[in-house]
């Protein structure tokens, strides 16, 4: 019985809301009591259209002399409508301008990102080509060194000092060719 009294007392006690955090805590606890209950989320309010203002107004004397007491209210009402229409048009123009600026900025950032991506892609391709050429040259050197070892053994006795100088000149030429290809790749 004491347990039932505790439950009744907790239901009877009212929670005093002192600030916004208490209010939010209360709402959340109420929602969490029954999690199966569907929650209704309101939709955004629809945008109002341009107020309907007649193109022309007849017999409006305004607040000038000679106008009857009823005419002033008609004039005031039409004036308010016109001001509301002008205000709406100005706000719409401002919103459109902000939207255009936002979309231009997005396009600008997208182009910038694409340029950076293209630049990095080209850099990766160059690096890949350099690595490929380097591996091909090392393979060529290995095959030529193996070939030269076999030929050296065969032609050990036949080689003269003049022939060795020709070989050195050919290696210098190949080094110059390599430097030229590097320079041309960097220029691209």
C-alpha atoms as a PDB file:
ATOM      1  CA  UNK A   1       0.000   0.000   0.000  1.00  0.00           C
ATOM      2  CA  UNK A   2       2.866   2.334   0.751  1.00  0.00           C
ATOM      3  CA  UNK A   3       4.082   1.909  -2.841  1.00  0.00           C
ATOM      4  CA  UNK A   4       0.687   2.991  -4.194  1.00  0.00           C
ATOM      5  CA  UNK A   5       0.758   6.064  -1.955  1.00  0.00           C
ATOM      6  CA  UNK A   6       4.198   7.005  -3.283  1.00  0.00           C
ATOM      7  CA  UNK A   7       2.962   6.757  -6.875  1.00  0.00           C
ATOM      8  CA  UNK A   8      -0.144   8.810  -6.104  1.00  0.00           C
ATOM      9  CA  UNK A   9       1.928  11.449  -4.335  1.00  0.00           C
ATOM     10  CA  UNK A  10       4.379  11.707  -7.245  1.00  0.00           C
ATOM     11  CA  UNK A  11       1.496  12.162  -9.693  1.00  0.00           C
ATOM     12  CA  UNK A  12      -0.200  14.747  -7.478  1.00  0.00           C
ATOM     13  CA  UNK A  13       2.915  16.870  -6.945  1.00  0.00           C
ATOM     14  CA  UNK A  14       3.168  19.576  -9.550  1.00  0.00           C
ATOM     15  CA  UNK A  15       6.520  20.414 -11.028  1.00  0.00           C
ATOM     16  CA  UNK A  16       7.359  24.078 -10.929  1.00  0.00           C
ATOM     17  CA  UNK A  17       9.011  25.267 -14.123  1.00  0.00           C
ATOM     18  CA  UNK A  18      11.704  27.805 -13.338  1.00  0.00           C
ATOM     19  CA  UNK A  19      13.431  28.109 -16.695  1.00  0.00           C
ATOM     20  CA  UNK A  20      13.427  26.839 -20.279  1.00  0.00           C
ATOM     21  CA  UNK A  21      15.556  23.809 -19.400  1.00  0.00           C
ATOM     22  CA  UNK A  22      12.900  22.633 -16.921  1.00  0.00           C
ATOM     23  CA  UNK A  23      10.203  23.081 -19.555  1.00  0.00           C
ATOM     24  CA  UNK A  24      12.168  21.083 -22.094  1.00  0.00           C
ATOM     25  CA  UNK A  25      12.940  18.369 -19.514  1.00  0.00           C
ATOM     26  CA  UNK A  26       9.218  18.107 -18.715  1.00  0.00           C
ATOM     27  CA  UNK A  27       8.276  17.821 -22.395  1.00  0.00           C
ATOM     28  CA  UNK A  28      10.930  15.157 -23.013  1.00  0.00           C
ATOM     29  CA  UNK A  29       9.866  13.099 -20.008  1.00  0.00           C
ATOM     30  CA  UNK A  30       6.260  13.276 -21.218  1.00  0.00           C
ATOM     31  CA  UNK A  31       7.340  12.084 -24.679  1.00  0.00           C
ATOM     32  CA  UNK A  32       9.422   9.247 -23.268  1.00  0.00           C
ATOM     33  CA  UNK A  33       6.565   7.905 -21.136  1.00  0.00           C
ATOM     34  CA  UNK A  34       4.935   6.504 -24.252  1.00  0.00           C
ATOM     35  CA  UNK A  35       7.527   6.035 -27.030  1.00  0.00           C
ATOM     36  CA  UNK A  36       5.061   4.205 -29.300  1.00  0.00           C
ATOM     37  CA  UNK A  37       2.841   7.249 -29.626  1.00  0.00           C
ATOM     38  CA  UNK A  38       3.409   9.040 -32.959  1.00  0.00           C
ATOM     39  CA  UNK A  39       4.778  12.568 -32.785  1.00  0.00           C
ATOM     40  CA  UNK A  40       3.233  15.234 -34.973  1.00  0.00           C
ATOM     41  CA  UNK A  41       5.820  17.571 -36.417  1.00  0.00           C
ATOM     42  CA  UNK A  42       4.272  20.710 -37.910  1.00  0.00           C
ATOM     43  CA  UNK A  43       5.189  21.670 -41.452  1.00  0.00           C
ATOM     44  CA  UNK A  44       6.845  24.927 -42.324  1.00  0.00           C
ATOM     45  CA  UNK A  45       4.432  27.759 -42.940  1.00  0.00           C
ATOM     46  CA  UNK A  46       3.727  28.346 -46.599  1.00  0.00           C
ATOM     47  CA  UNK A  47       5.078  31.447 -48.206  1.00  0.00           C
ATOM     48  CA  UNK A  48       2.507  34.111 -48.689  1.00  0.00           C
ATOM     49  CA  UNK A  49       1.952  35.402 -52.178  1.00  0.00           C
ATOM     50  CA  UNK A  50       1.724  38.959 -53.371  1.00  0.00           C
ATOM     51  CA  UNK A  51      -1.188  40.740 -51.730  1.00  0.00           C
ATOM     52  CA  UNK A  52      -3.990  41.386 -54.163  1.00  0.00           C
ATOM     53  CA  UNK A  53      -4.170  45.089 -54.820  1.00  0.00           C
ATOM     54  CA  UNK A  54      -6.576  46.376 -57.457  1.00  0.00           C
ATOM     55  CA  UNK A  55      -4.996  48.034 -60.465  1.00  0.00           C
ATOM     56  CA  UNK A  56      -7.078  51.137 -60.165  1.00  0.00           C
ATOM     57  CA  UNK A  57      -9.288  52.606 -57.483  1.00  0.00           C
ATOM     58  CA  UNK A  58     -12.194  54.882 -58.317  1.00  0.00           C
ATOM     59  CA  UNK A  59     -13.432  57.867 -56.368  1.00  0.00           C
ATOM     60  CA  UNK A  60     -10.773  57.892 -53.721  1.00  0.00           C
ATOM     61  CA  UNK A  61     -10.420  61.358 -52.385  1.00  0.00           C
ATOM     62  CA  UNK A  62      -7.908  60.459 -49.707  1.00  0.00           C
ATOM     63  CA  UNK A  63      -7.531  62.454 -46.555  1.00  0.00           C
ATOM     64  CA  UNK A  64      -7.885  65.783 -48.311  1.00  0.00           C
ATOM     65  CA  UNK A  65     -10.645  68.312 -47.764  1.00  0.00           C
ATOM     66  CA  UNK A  66     -14.021  67.451 -49.189  1.00  0.00           C
ATOM     67  CA  UNK A  67     -13.761  63.758 -48.493  1.00  0.00           C
ATOM     68  CA  UNK A  68     -16.512  62.181 -46.500  1.00  0.00           C
ATOM     69  CA  UNK A  69     -15.920  60.373 -43.262  1.00  0.00           C
ATOM     70  CA  UNK A  70     -16.232  56.966 -44.980  1.00  0.00           C
ATOM     71  CA  UNK A  71     -13.771  57.805 -47.747  1.00  0.00           C
ATOM     72  CA  UNK A  72     -10.870  58.203 -45.382  1.00  0.00           C
ATOM     73  CA  UNK A  73     -11.168  54.601 -44.164  1.00  0.00           C
ATOM     74  CA  UNK A  74     -11.259  53.309 -47.731  1.00  0.00           C
ATOM     75  CA  UNK A  75      -8.184  55.360 -48.583  1.00  0.00           C
ATOM     76  CA  UNK A  76      -6.319  54.218 -45.480  1.00  0.00           C
ATOM     77  CA  UNK A  77      -7.121  50.553 -46.215  1.00  0.00           C
ATOM     78  CA  UNK A  78      -5.914  50.794 -49.818  1.00  0.00           C
ATOM     79  CA  UNK A  79      -2.780  52.649 -48.708  1.00  0.00           C
ATOM     80  CA  UNK A  80      -1.944  49.865 -46.242  1.00  0.00           C
ATOM     81  CA  UNK A  81      -2.440  47.242 -48.938  1.00  0.00           C
ATOM     82  CA  UNK A  82      -0.139  49.110 -51.313  1.00  0.00           C
ATOM     83  CA  UNK A  83       2.555  49.505 -48.662  1.00  0.00           C
ATOM     84  CA  UNK A  84       2.284  45.788 -47.850  1.00  0.00           C
ATOM     85  CA  UNK A  85       2.629  44.925 -51.546  1.00  0.00           C
ATOM     86  CA  UNK A  86       5.713  47.145 -51.931  1.00  0.00           C
ATOM     87  CA  UNK A  87       7.273  45.699 -48.786  1.00  0.00           C
ATOM     88  CA  UNK A  88       6.636  42.159 -50.034  1.00  0.00           C
ATOM     89  CA  UNK A  89       8.244  42.964 -53.402  1.00  0.00           C
ATOM     90  CA  UNK A  90      11.318  44.443 -51.689  1.00  0.00           C
ATOM     91  CA  UNK A  91      11.698  41.439 -49.383  1.00  0.00           C
ATOM     92  CA  UNK A  92      11.312  39.046 -52.298  1.00  0.00           C
ATOM     93  CA  UNK A  93      13.936  40.924 -54.314  1.00  0.00           C
ATOM     94  CA  UNK A  94      16.310  40.810 -51.325  1.00  0.00           C
ATOM     95  CA  UNK A  95      15.722  37.066 -50.844  1.00  0.00           C
ATOM     96  CA  UNK A  96      16.304  36.413 -54.545  1.00  0.00           C
ATOM     97  CA  UNK A  97      19.533  38.403 -54.413  1.00  0.00           C
ATOM     98  CA  UNK A  98      20.744  36.426 -51.393  1.00  0.00           C
ATOM     99  CA  UNK A  99      19.829  33.143 -53.109  1.00  0.00           C
ATOM    100  CA  UNK A 100      21.710  34.163 -56.252  1.00  0.00           C
ATOM    101  CA  UNK A 101      24.767  35.161 -54.221  1.00  0.00           C
ATOM    102  CA  UNK A 102      24.650  31.842 -52.366  1.00  0.00           C
ATOM    103  CA  UNK A 103      24.407  29.820 -55.580  1.00  0.00           C
ATOM    104  CA  UNK A 104      27.235  31.815 -57.164  1.00  0.00           C
ATOM    105  CA  UNK A 105      29.410  31.116 -54.122  1.00  0.00           C
ATOM    106  CA  UNK A 106      28.570  27.413 -54.303  1.00  0.00           C
ATOM    107  CA  UNK A 107      29.518  27.291 -57.998  1.00  0.00           C
ATOM    108  CA  UNK A 108      32.723  29.181 -57.265  1.00  0.00           C
ATOM    109  CA  UNK A 109      33.699  26.743 -54.497  1.00  0.00           C
ATOM    110  CA  UNK A 110      32.815  23.800 -56.715  1.00  0.00           C
ATOM    111  CA  UNK A 111      35.004  25.122 -59.553  1.00  0.00           C
ATOM    112  CA  UNK A 112      37.841  25.736 -57.106  1.00  0.00           C
ATOM    113  CA  UNK A 113      37.531  22.199 -55.748  1.00  0.00           C
ATOM    114  CA  UNK A 114      37.494  20.769 -59.283  1.00  0.00           C
ATOM    115  CA  UNK A 115      40.615  22.749 -60.192  1.00  0.00           C
ATOM    116  CA  UNK A 116      42.442  21.499 -57.123  1.00  0.00           C
ATOM    117  CA  UNK A 117      41.345  17.934 -57.835  1.00  0.00           C
ATOM    118  CA  UNK A 118      42.531  18.227 -61.447  1.00  0.00           C
ATOM    119  CA  UNK A 119      45.871  19.635 -60.319  1.00  0.00           C
ATOM    120  CA  UNK A 120      46.391  16.813 -57.819  1.00  0.00           C
ATOM    121  CA  UNK A 121      45.321  14.223 -60.393  1.00  0.00           C
ATOM    122  CA  UNK A 122      47.896  15.518 -62.880  1.00  0.00           C
ATOM    123  CA  UNK A 123      50.536  15.484 -60.162  1.00  0.00           C
ATOM    124  CA  UNK A 124      49.710  11.858 -59.335  1.00  0.00           C
ATOM    125  CA  UNK A 125      49.872  10.893 -63.027  1.00  0.00           C
ATOM    126  CA  UNK A 126      53.255  12.591 -63.458  1.00  0.00           C
ATOM    127  CA  UNK A 127      54.592  10.820 -60.401  1.00  0.00           C
ATOM    128  CA  UNK A 128      53.259   7.514 -61.685  1.00  0.00           C
ATOM    129  CA  UNK A 129      54.853   8.059 -65.113  1.00  0.00           C
ATOM    130  CA  UNK A 130      58.186   8.993 -63.543  1.00  0.00           C
ATOM    131  CA  UNK A 131      58.092   5.865 -61.439  1.00  0.00           C
ATOM    132  CA  UNK A 132      57.224   3.777 -64.491  1.00  0.00           C
ATOM    133  CA  UNK A 133      60.033   5.280 -66.565  1.00  0.00           C
ATOM    134  CA  UNK A 134      62.452   4.832 -63.693  1.00  0.00           C
ATOM    135  CA  UNK A 135      61.527   1.169 -63.333  1.00  0.00           C
ATOM    136  CA  UNK A 136      61.843   0.655 -67.107  1.00  0.00           C
ATOM    137  CA  UNK A 137      65.275   2.279 -67.125  1.00  0.00           C
ATOM    138  CA  UNK A 138      66.437   0.184 -64.186  1.00  0.00           C
ATOM    139  CA  UNK A 139      65.210  -2.926 -65.973  1.00  0.00           C
ATOM    140  CA  UNK A 140      67.029  -1.823 -69.135  1.00  0.00           C
ATOM    141  CA  UNK A 141      70.193  -1.194 -67.138  1.00  0.00           C
ATOM    142  CA  UNK A 142      69.944  -4.594 -65.497  1.00  0.00           C
ATOM    143  CA  UNK A 143      69.398  -6.322 -68.805  1.00  0.00           C
ATOM    144  CA  UNK A 144      72.193  -4.318 -70.428  1.00  0.00           C
ATOM    145  CA  UNK A 145      74.521  -4.991 -67.499  1.00  0.00           C
ATOM    146  CA  UNK A 146      73.772  -8.704 -67.740  1.00  0.00           C
ATOM    147  CA  UNK A 147      74.315  -8.498 -71.477  1.00  0.00           C
ATOM    148  CA  UNK A 148      77.528  -6.514 -71.029  1.00  0.00           C
ATOM    149  CA  UNK A 149      78.834  -9.028 -68.481  1.00  0.00           C
ATOM    150  CA  UNK A 150      78.389 -11.791 -71.021  1.00  0.00           C
ATOM    151  CA  UNK A 151      79.937  -9.734 -73.773  1.00  0.00           C
ATOM    152  CA  UNK A 152      82.799  -8.633 -71.503  1.00  0.00           C
ATOM    153  CA  UNK A 153      83.720 -12.200 -70.832  1.00  0.00           C
ATOM    154  CA  UNK A 154      83.744 -12.931 -74.546  1.00  0.00           C
ATOM    155  CA  UNK A 155      85.582  -9.780 -75.591  1.00  0.00           C
ATOM    156  CA  UNK A 156      87.965  -9.285 -72.688  1.00  0.00           C
ATOM    157  CA  UNK A 157      91.045  -9.522 -74.732  1.00  0.00           C
ATOM    158  CA  UNK A 158      89.783  -7.587 -77.762  1.00  0.00           C
ATOM    159  CA  UNK A 159      88.907  -4.308 -75.977  1.00  0.00           C
ATOM    160  CA  UNK A 160      91.203  -1.371 -76.572  1.00  0.00           C
ATOM    161  CA  UNK A 161      91.496   1.919 -74.675  1.00  0.00           C
ATOM    162  CA  UNK A 162      89.844   3.769 -77.595  1.00  0.00           C
ATOM    163  CA  UNK A 163      86.701   1.659 -77.289  1.00  0.00           C
ATOM    164  CA  UNK A 164      86.344   2.416 -73.577  1.00  0.00           C
ATOM    165  CA  UNK A 165      86.350   6.154 -74.237  1.00  0.00           C
ATOM    166  CA  UNK A 166      83.555   5.656 -76.783  1.00  0.00           C
ATOM    167  CA  UNK A 167      81.497   3.822 -74.149  1.00  0.00           C
ATOM    168  CA  UNK A 168      81.993   6.665 -71.673  1.00  0.00           C
ATOM    169  CA  UNK A 169      80.856   9.190 -74.263  1.00  0.00           C
ATOM    170  CA  UNK A 170      77.709   7.167 -74.973  1.00  0.00           C
ATOM    171  CA  UNK A 171      76.846   7.037 -71.246  1.00  0.00           C
ATOM    172  CA  UNK A 172      77.335  10.808 -71.009  1.00  0.00           C
ATOM    173  CA  UNK A 173      74.964  11.240 -73.962  1.00  0.00           C
ATOM    174  CA  UNK A 174      72.336   9.077 -72.264  1.00  0.00           C
ATOM    175  CA  UNK A 175      72.676  11.170 -69.062  1.00  0.00           C
ATOM    176  CA  UNK A 176      72.121  14.331 -71.075  1.00  0.00           C
ATOM    177  CA  UNK A 177      69.046  12.780 -72.682  1.00  0.00           C
ATOM    178  CA  UNK A 178      67.673  11.936 -69.230  1.00  0.00           C
ATOM    179  CA  UNK A 179      68.165  15.523 -68.021  1.00  0.00           C
ATOM    180  CA  UNK A 180      66.398  16.878 -71.120  1.00  0.00           C
ATOM    181  CA  UNK A 181      63.383  14.599 -70.553  1.00  0.00           C
ATOM    182  CA  UNK A 182      63.178  15.703 -66.901  1.00  0.00           C
ATOM    183  CA  UNK A 183      63.270  19.365 -67.938  1.00  0.00           C
ATOM    184  CA  UNK A 184      60.538  18.812 -70.537  1.00  0.00           C
ATOM    185  CA  UNK A 185      58.342  17.024 -67.990  1.00  0.00           C
ATOM    186  CA  UNK A 186      58.721  19.811 -65.471  1.00  0.00           C
ATOM    187  CA  UNK A 187      57.815  22.377 -68.129  1.00  0.00           C
ATOM    188  CA  UNK A 188      54.538  20.549 -68.811  1.00  0.00           C
END
